[in-house]
Amino acid sequence: MPEILNTKRYKLDKNVFTLGLVSLFTDISSQMIYPLLPIFLSSVLGVGVAFIGLLEGIAEASASILKVLSGWYSDKLKKRK
């Protein structure tokens, strides 16, 4: 059994807890933007549906290409944890 489980209570450092909380709220806020962006673009800015689809397609395609390229680069470095 690990030593940490044998202790009565494991206390996180205040800075670690604060950084975790800030990271949680940042992730929540960034994830809330994606579903609302097409609604904002169409209703407030008056952008057409075809342009919104094109914009979303370009974003997904660039993310997929970057995943492949970063995976290739990571394999090329051959540095594993």
N, C-alpha and C. Protein backbone atom coordinates (compact mmCIF):
# COMPACT_ATOMS: atom_id res chain seq x y z
N MET A 1 0.84 -1.18 0.00
CA MET A 1 0.00 0.00 0.00
C MET A 1 0.88 1.24 0.00
N PRO A 2 0.59 2.22 -0.86
CA PRO A 2 1.43 3.42 -0.90
C PRO A 2 1.43 4.18 0.42
N GLU A 3 2.54 4.85 0.66
CA GLU A 3 2.69 5.61 1.90
C GLU A 3 1.62 6.68 2.05
N ILE A 4 1.23 7.28 0.97
CA ILE A 4 0.28 8.39 1.04
C ILE A 4 -1.08 7.93 1.56
N LEU A 5 -1.43 6.67 1.30
CA LEU A 5 -2.71 6.16 1.76
C LEU A 5 -2.69 5.79 3.23
N ASN A 6 -1.51 5.60 3.79
CA ASN A 6 -1.41 5.25 5.20
C ASN A 6 -1.52 6.46 6.11
N THR A 7 -1.31 7.64 5.60
CA THR A 7 -1.40 8.84 6.43
C THR A 7 -2.86 9.14 6.73
N LYS A 8 -3.08 9.90 7.80
CA LYS A 8 -4.45 10.22 8.19
C LYS A 8 -5.15 11.10 7.16
N ARG A 9 -4.44 12.13 6.72
CA ARG A 9 -5.06 13.06 5.78
C ARG A 9 -3.99 13.65 4.88
N TYR A 10 -4.28 13.69 3.60
CA TYR A 10 -3.36 14.29 2.64
C TYR A 10 -3.87 15.67 2.31
N LYS A 11 -3.06 16.69 2.55
CA LYS A 11 -3.49 18.06 2.34
C LYS A 11 -2.77 18.65 1.13
N LEU A 12 -3.56 19.19 0.21
CA LEU A 12 -2.99 19.85 -0.95
C LEU A 12 -2.47 21.22 -0.56
N ASP A 13 -1.43 21.63 -1.24
CA ASP A 13 -0.92 22.97 -1.06
C ASP A 13 -1.98 23.97 -1.55
N LYS A 14 -2.05 25.12 -0.93
CA LYS A 14 -3.05 26.13 -1.29
C LYS A 14 -2.89 26.58 -2.74
N ASN A 15 -1.65 26.73 -3.19
CA ASN A 15 -1.41 27.15 -4.57
C ASN A 15 -1.86 26.10 -5.58
N VAL A 16 -1.64 24.84 -5.26
CA VAL A 16 -2.05 23.75 -6.16
C VAL A 16 -3.57 23.71 -6.27
N PHE A 17 -4.24 23.86 -5.14
CA PHE A 17 -5.71 23.87 -5.14
C PHE A 17 -6.24 25.06 -5.94
N THR A 18 -5.66 26.23 -5.75
CA THR A 18 -6.10 27.43 -6.47
C THR A 18 -5.88 27.29 -7.97
N LEU A 19 -4.72 26.77 -8.37
CA LEU A 19 -4.46 26.56 -9.79
C LEU A 19 -5.42 25.55 -10.40
N GLY A 20 -5.75 24.52 -9.66
CA GLY A 20 -6.72 23.53 -10.14
C GLY A 20 -8.10 24.14 -10.33
N LEU A 21 -8.49 24.98 -9.39
CA LEU A 21 -9.79 25.63 -9.48
C LEU A 21 -9.84 26.61 -10.65
N VAL A 22 -8.78 27.38 -10.84
CA VAL A 22 -8.71 28.30 -11.97
C VAL A 22 -8.73 27.53 -13.29
N SER A 23 -8.03 26.42 -13.35
CA SER A 23 -8.02 25.60 -14.56
C SER A 23 -9.42 25.04 -14.85
N LEU A 24 -10.13 24.64 -13.81
CA LEU A 24 -11.49 24.13 -13.98
C LEU A 24 -12.40 25.20 -14.58
N PHE A 25 -12.36 26.40 -14.01
CA PHE A 25 -13.23 27.46 -14.51
C PHE A 25 -12.84 27.92 -15.91
N THR A 26 -11.55 27.91 -16.22
CA THR A 26 -11.11 28.27 -17.56
C THR A 26 -11.61 27.24 -18.58
N ASP A 27 -11.54 25.97 -18.23
CA ASP A 27 -12.02 24.92 -19.12
C ASP A 27 -13.52 25.01 -19.32
N ILE A 28 -14.25 25.26 -18.24
CA ILE A 28 -15.71 25.39 -18.35
C ILE A 28 -16.08 26.56 -19.26
N SER A 29 -15.41 27.69 -19.07
CA SER A 29 -15.75 28.86 -19.88
C SER A 29 -15.39 28.66 -21.35
N SER A 30 -14.27 28.02 -21.62
CA SER A 30 -13.90 27.81 -23.02
C SER A 30 -14.81 26.78 -23.68
N GLN A 31 -15.28 25.79 -22.94
CA GLN A 31 -16.19 24.80 -23.51
C GLN A 31 -17.59 25.36 -23.72
N MET A 32 -17.95 26.41 -23.01
CA MET A 32 -19.26 27.03 -23.19
C MET A 32 -19.33 27.87 -24.46
N ILE A 33 -18.20 28.31 -24.96
CA ILE A 33 -18.17 29.17 -26.14
C ILE A 33 -18.57 28.40 -27.40
N TYR A 34 -18.11 27.17 -27.55
CA TYR A 34 -18.30 26.43 -28.80
C TYR A 34 -19.77 26.24 -29.18
N PRO A 35 -20.66 25.85 -28.29
CA PRO A 35 -22.06 25.71 -28.72
C PRO A 35 -22.75 27.05 -29.00
N LEU A 36 -22.29 28.11 -28.36
CA LEU A 36 -22.95 29.41 -28.52
C LEU A 36 -22.42 30.22 -29.69
N LEU A 37 -21.26 29.89 -30.19
CA LEU A 37 -20.66 30.67 -31.27
C LEU A 37 -21.50 30.69 -32.55
N PRO A 38 -22.02 29.56 -33.05
CA PRO A 38 -22.86 29.63 -34.25
C PRO A 38 -24.13 30.46 -34.04
N ILE A 39 -24.72 30.38 -32.86
CA ILE A 39 -25.92 31.17 -32.58
C ILE A 39 -25.58 32.66 -32.60
N PHE A 40 -24.47 33.02 -31.99
CA PHE A 40 -24.04 34.41 -31.98
C PHE A 40 -23.74 34.91 -33.39
N LEU A 41 -23.03 34.10 -34.16
CA LEU A 41 -22.68 34.51 -35.52
C LEU A 41 -23.91 34.73 -36.39
N SER A 42 -24.91 33.86 -36.25
CA SER A 42 -26.09 33.98 -37.12
C SER A 42 -27.06 35.05 -36.63
N SER A 43 -27.31 35.12 -35.34
CA SER A 43 -28.33 36.05 -34.86
C SER A 43 -27.81 37.48 -34.69
N VAL A 44 -26.62 37.64 -34.14
CA VAL A 44 -26.11 38.99 -33.87
C VAL A 44 -25.37 39.57 -35.07
N LEU A 45 -24.50 38.77 -35.67
CA LEU A 45 -23.69 39.28 -36.78
C LEU A 45 -24.34 39.07 -38.14
N GLY A 46 -25.38 38.25 -38.21
CA GLY A 46 -26.09 38.03 -39.47
C GLY A 46 -25.32 37.19 -40.48
N VAL A 47 -24.46 36.34 -40.02
CA VAL A 47 -23.66 35.48 -40.91
C VAL A 47 -24.54 34.33 -41.39
N GLY A 48 -24.35 33.94 -42.64
CA GLY A 48 -25.14 32.85 -43.21
C GLY A 48 -24.73 31.49 -42.67
N VAL A 49 -25.66 30.56 -42.83
CA VAL A 49 -25.46 29.20 -42.33
C VAL A 49 -24.31 28.51 -43.07
N ALA A 50 -24.19 28.75 -44.35
CA ALA A 50 -23.12 28.13 -45.14
C ALA A 50 -21.75 28.59 -44.66
N PHE A 51 -21.63 29.88 -44.35
CA PHE A 51 -20.35 30.39 -43.87
C PHE A 51 -20.00 29.82 -42.49
N ILE A 52 -21.01 29.67 -41.64
CA ILE A 52 -20.78 29.08 -40.32
C ILE A 52 -20.31 27.63 -40.47
N GLY A 53 -20.93 26.89 -41.38
CA GLY A 53 -20.50 25.51 -41.64
C GLY A 53 -19.09 25.45 -42.18
N LEU A 54 -18.76 26.37 -43.08
CA LEU A 54 -17.41 26.44 -43.62
C LEU A 54 -16.40 26.77 -42.53
N LEU A 55 -16.74 27.71 -41.68
CA LEU A 55 -15.86 28.10 -40.58
C LEU A 55 -15.62 26.94 -39.62
N GLU A 56 -16.69 26.23 -39.26
CA GLU A 56 -16.56 25.07 -38.37
C GLU A 56 -15.75 23.96 -39.04
N GLY A 57 -15.95 23.76 -40.33
CA GLY A 57 -15.20 22.74 -41.07
C GLY A 57 -13.72 23.05 -41.12
N ILE A 58 -13.38 24.32 -41.36
CA ILE A 58 -11.97 24.72 -41.38
C ILE A 58 -11.34 24.53 -40.00
N ALA A 59 -12.08 24.88 -38.96
CA ALA A 59 -11.55 24.72 -37.60
C ALA A 59 -11.29 23.25 -37.27
N GLU A 60 -12.23 22.38 -37.61
CA GLU A 60 -12.05 20.94 -37.34
C GLU A 60 -10.94 20.35 -38.19
N ALA A 61 -10.86 20.76 -39.45
CA ALA A 61 -9.81 20.23 -40.33
C ALA A 61 -8.43 20.66 -39.86
N SER A 62 -8.30 21.91 -39.46
CA SER A 62 -6.99 22.37 -38.98
C SER A 62 -6.61 21.68 -37.68
N ALA A 63 -7.59 21.43 -36.80
CA ALA A 63 -7.29 20.71 -35.56
C ALA A 63 -6.84 19.28 -35.86
N SER A 64 -7.50 18.63 -36.82
CA SER A 64 -7.11 17.26 -37.18
C SER A 64 -5.72 17.21 -37.80
N ILE A 65 -5.42 18.16 -38.66
CA ILE A 65 -4.10 18.19 -39.29
C ILE A 65 -3.02 18.45 -38.25
N LEU A 66 -3.28 19.36 -37.32
CA LEU A 66 -2.29 19.64 -36.28
C LEU A 66 -2.09 18.45 -35.35
N LYS A 67 -3.14 17.67 -35.10
CA LYS A 67 -2.98 16.46 -34.28
C LYS A 67 -2.06 15.46 -34.96
N VAL A 68 -2.25 15.28 -36.26
CA VAL A 68 -1.40 14.34 -37.01
C VAL A 68 0.05 14.83 -37.02
N LEU A 69 0.25 16.12 -37.30
CA LEU A 69 1.61 16.66 -37.35
C LEU A 69 2.30 16.64 -35.99
N SER A 70 1.56 16.95 -34.94
CA SER A 70 2.19 16.93 -33.61
C SER A 70 2.49 15.50 -33.17
N GLY A 71 1.66 14.54 -33.56
CA GLY A 71 1.95 13.14 -33.27
C GLY A 71 3.18 12.65 -34.00
N TRP A 72 3.29 13.05 -35.26
CA TRP A 72 4.48 12.69 -36.05
C TRP A 72 5.73 13.29 -35.42
N TYR A 73 5.65 14.56 -35.02
CA TYR A 73 6.81 15.23 -34.42
C TYR A 73 7.17 14.59 -33.07
N SER A 74 6.16 14.21 -32.31
CA SER A 74 6.41 13.55 -31.03
C SER A 74 7.09 12.20 -31.23
N ASP A 75 6.66 11.46 -32.24
CA ASP A 75 7.31 10.18 -32.54
C ASP A 75 8.73 10.37 -33.03
N LYS A 76 8.97 11.46 -33.73
CA LYS A 76 10.30 11.74 -34.24
C LYS A 76 11.28 12.05 -33.11
N LEU A 77 10.80 12.71 -32.05
CA LEU A 77 11.66 13.04 -30.91
C LEU A 77 12.08 11.80 -30.12
N LYS A 78 11.22 10.79 -30.09
CA LYS A 78 11.47 9.52 -29.40
C LYS A 78 11.76 9.70 -27.91
N LYS A 79 11.23 10.74 -27.33
CA LYS A 79 11.40 10.96 -25.89
C LYS A 79 10.10 10.55 -25.21
N ARG A 80 10.17 9.52 -24.41
CA ARG A 80 8.99 9.00 -23.74
C ARG A 80 9.07 9.29 -22.25
N LYS A 81 7.92 9.37 -21.65
CA LYS A 81 7.86 9.59 -20.19
C LYS A 81 8.10 8.30 -19.46
